[in-house]
C-alpha atoms as a PDB file:
ATOM      1  CA  MET A   1     -44.019  29.049  34.269  1.00  0.00           C
ATOM      2  CA  SER A   2     -43.047  28.274  37.476  1.00  0.00           C
ATOM      3  CA  THR A   3     -40.770  25.100  38.597  1.00  0.00           C
ATOM      4  CA  GLU A   4     -42.332  24.773  41.956  1.00  0.00           C
ATOM      5  CA  ASN A   5     -44.650  21.494  42.129  1.00  0.00           C
ATOM      6  CA  VAL A   6     -43.444  20.346  39.056  1.00  0.00           C
ATOM      7  CA  LYS A   7     -42.075  16.762  39.971  1.00  0.00           C
ATOM      8  CA  LYS A   8     -39.040  14.583  37.903  1.00  0.00           C
ATOM      9  CA  THR A   9     -41.306  11.866  35.833  1.00  0.00           C
ATOM     10  CA  ARG A  10     -39.402   8.986  34.151  1.00  0.00           C
ATOM     11  CA  ARG A  11     -40.245   6.224  31.712  1.00  0.00           C
ATOM     12  CA  GLY A  12     -38.545   2.487  32.232  1.00  0.00           C
ATOM     13  CA  VAL A  13     -38.719  -1.073  31.927  1.00  0.00           C
ATOM     14  CA  VAL A  14     -39.105  -3.616  35.426  1.00  0.00           C
ATOM     15  CA  VAL A  15     -36.295  -5.407  36.155  1.00  0.00           C
ATOM     16  CA  SER A  16     -37.301  -6.289  39.692  1.00  0.00           C
ATOM     17  CA  ASN A  17     -40.694  -7.133  41.504  1.00  0.00           C
ATOM     18  CA  SER A  18     -39.234  -9.523  44.373  1.00  0.00           C
ATOM     19  CA  MET A  19     -39.751  -6.876  46.943  1.00  0.00           C
ATOM     20  CA  ASP A  20     -43.141  -6.383  48.483  1.00  0.00           C
ATOM     21  CA  LYS A  21     -44.175  -3.023  47.435  1.00  0.00           C
ATOM     22  CA  THR A  22     -41.185  -1.742  45.559  1.00  0.00           C
ATOM     23  CA  VAL A  23     -40.070  -2.792  42.229  1.00  0.00           C
ATOM     24  CA  VAL A  24     -36.686  -1.662  40.481  1.00  0.00           C
ATOM     25  CA  ILE A  25     -36.893  -0.020  37.155  1.00  0.00           C
ATOM     26  CA  LEU A  26     -33.934   0.369  34.423  1.00  0.00           C
ATOM     27  CA  VAL A  27     -34.128   3.862  32.727  1.00  0.00           C
ATOM     28  CA  GLU A  28     -31.972   3.887  29.689  1.00  0.00           C
ATOM     29  CA  ARG A  29     -31.257   7.561  28.148  1.00  0.00           C
ATOM     30  CA  ARG A  30     -29.213   8.736  24.936  1.00  0.00           C
ATOM     31  CA  VAL A  31     -26.683  11.235  25.600  1.00  0.00           C
ATOM     32  CA  LEU A  32     -24.471  13.096  22.984  1.00  0.00           C
ATOM     33  CA  HIS A  33     -20.510  12.492  23.449  1.00  0.00           C
ATOM     34  CA  LYS A  34     -19.183  15.619  23.604  1.00  0.00           C
ATOM     35  CA  LEU A  35     -15.999  14.607  21.352  1.00  0.00           C
ATOM     36  CA  TYR A  36     -16.974  12.392  19.200  1.00  0.00           C
ATOM     37  CA  ARG A  37     -20.712  13.407  18.428  1.00  0.00           C
ATOM     38  CA  LYS A  38     -22.000   9.503  18.691  1.00  0.00           C
ATOM     39  CA  TYR A  39     -25.167   9.257  20.750  1.00  0.00           C
ATOM     40  CA  VAL A  40     -24.112   6.936  24.034  1.00  0.00           C
ATOM     41  CA  ARG A  41     -27.001   4.877  26.028  1.00  0.00           C
ATOM     42  CA  ARG A  42     -26.717   5.893  29.691  1.00  0.00           C
ATOM     43  CA  ARG A  43     -28.386   3.817  31.854  1.00  0.00           C
ATOM     44  CA  ALA A  44     -29.701   4.067  35.905  1.00  0.00           C
ATOM     45  CA  LYS A  45     -31.945   2.021  38.081  1.00  0.00           C
ATOM     46  CA  TYR A  46     -34.514   3.277  40.661  1.00  0.00           C
ATOM     47  CA  MET A  47     -36.412   1.872  43.444  1.00  0.00           C
ATOM     48  CA  ALA A  48     -40.187   2.284  42.996  1.00  0.00           C
ATOM     49  CA  HIS A  49     -43.110   2.317  45.237  1.00  0.00           C
ATOM     50  CA  ASP A  50     -45.776   0.338  44.025  1.00  0.00           C
ATOM     51  CA  THR A  51     -48.441  -0.046  46.556  1.00  0.00           C
ATOM     52  CA  ASN A  52     -50.617  -2.926  45.135  1.00  0.00           C
ATOM     53  CA  ASN A  53     -47.849  -4.837  43.405  1.00  0.00           C
ATOM     54  CA  GLN A  54     -49.079  -4.215  39.991  1.00  0.00           C
ATOM     55  CA  CYS A  55     -46.192  -4.330  38.432  1.00  0.00           C
ATOM     56  CA  GLN A  56     -44.348  -7.471  36.832  1.00  0.00           C
ATOM     57  CA  VAL A  57     -41.007  -7.753  35.025  1.00  0.00           C
ATOM     58  CA  GLY A  58     -40.720  -6.256  31.598  1.00  0.00           C
ATOM     59  CA  ASP A  59     -43.947  -3.632  32.244  1.00  0.00           C
ATOM     60  CA  ARG A  60     -42.719  -0.556  30.797  1.00  0.00           C
ATOM     61  CA  VAL A  61     -44.127   2.175  33.665  1.00  0.00           C
ATOM     62  CA  LEU A  62     -44.350   6.008  34.365  1.00  0.00           C
ATOM     63  CA  ILE A  63     -42.616   6.715  37.635  1.00  0.00           C
ATOM     64  CA  GLU A  64     -42.732  10.088  39.839  1.00  0.00           C
ATOM     65  CA  GLU A  65     -40.495  11.972  42.365  1.00  0.00           C
ATOM     66  CA  CYS A  66     -41.777  11.923  45.871  1.00  0.00           C
ATOM     67  CA  ARG A  67     -40.237  12.203  49.258  1.00  0.00           C
ATOM     68  CA  PRO A  68     -38.310   9.442  50.678  1.00  0.00           C
ATOM     69  CA  LEU A  69     -39.712   6.595  51.351  1.00  0.00           C
ATOM     70  CA  SER A  70     -36.829   4.710  52.698  1.00  0.00           C
ATOM     71  CA  LYS A  71     -33.025   4.753  52.304  1.00  0.00           C
ATOM     72  CA  ARG A  72     -32.888   4.118  48.210  1.00  0.00           C
ATOM     73  CA  LYS A  73     -36.401   4.640  47.622  1.00  0.00           C
ATOM     74  CA  ARG A  74     -37.764   8.766  45.980  1.00  0.00           C
ATOM     75  CA  TRP A  75     -39.790   7.271  43.325  1.00  0.00           C
ATOM     76  CA  LEU A  76     -43.430   6.657  43.042  1.00  0.00           C
ATOM     77  CA  VAL A  77     -44.970   4.071  40.155  1.00  0.00           C
ATOM     78  CA  ARG A  78     -47.854   6.611  38.660  1.00  0.00           C
ATOM     79  CA  SER A  79     -49.008   4.366  35.988  1.00  0.00           C
ATOM     80  CA  VAL A  80     -48.222   0.927  34.248  1.00  0.00           C
ATOM     81  CA  LEU A  81     -47.625   1.934  30.116  1.00  0.00           C
ATOM     82  CA  GLU A  82     -47.621  -1.490  28.405  1.00  0.00           C
ATOM     83  CA  ARG A  83     -48.050  -4.967  29.742  1.00  0.00           C
ATOM     84  CA  ALA A  84     -45.156  -7.550  29.427  1.00  0.00           C
ATOM     85  CA  ALA A  85     -45.529  -9.910  26.682  1.00  0.00           C
END
C-alpha cells in the first residue's frame, strides 16, 4: 500500500472553543517506558479548524492533518464522535 495521500488522524477532547472557527484538542496517548516497562501518558494539544463552530468543550472529536491554515493550525475537525454530557 502506498503511504501517499494517507493523512494522519487523532482522537481527542475539545478543551477550548473560545476562538472563532478554531478549537484546541487535547490528545492523550500511552507509551511504554523503555526502562521500567510501564505505560506512561503523553499529552499533546493541537489547534484545529472548526468551520461551523460545531464543537463544544468536552466533545470527543476526530481530527485530520491538512495544509497550514495559520501559524499553529494544521489540523481539521473531521467529525464529532461523542457530545459532551
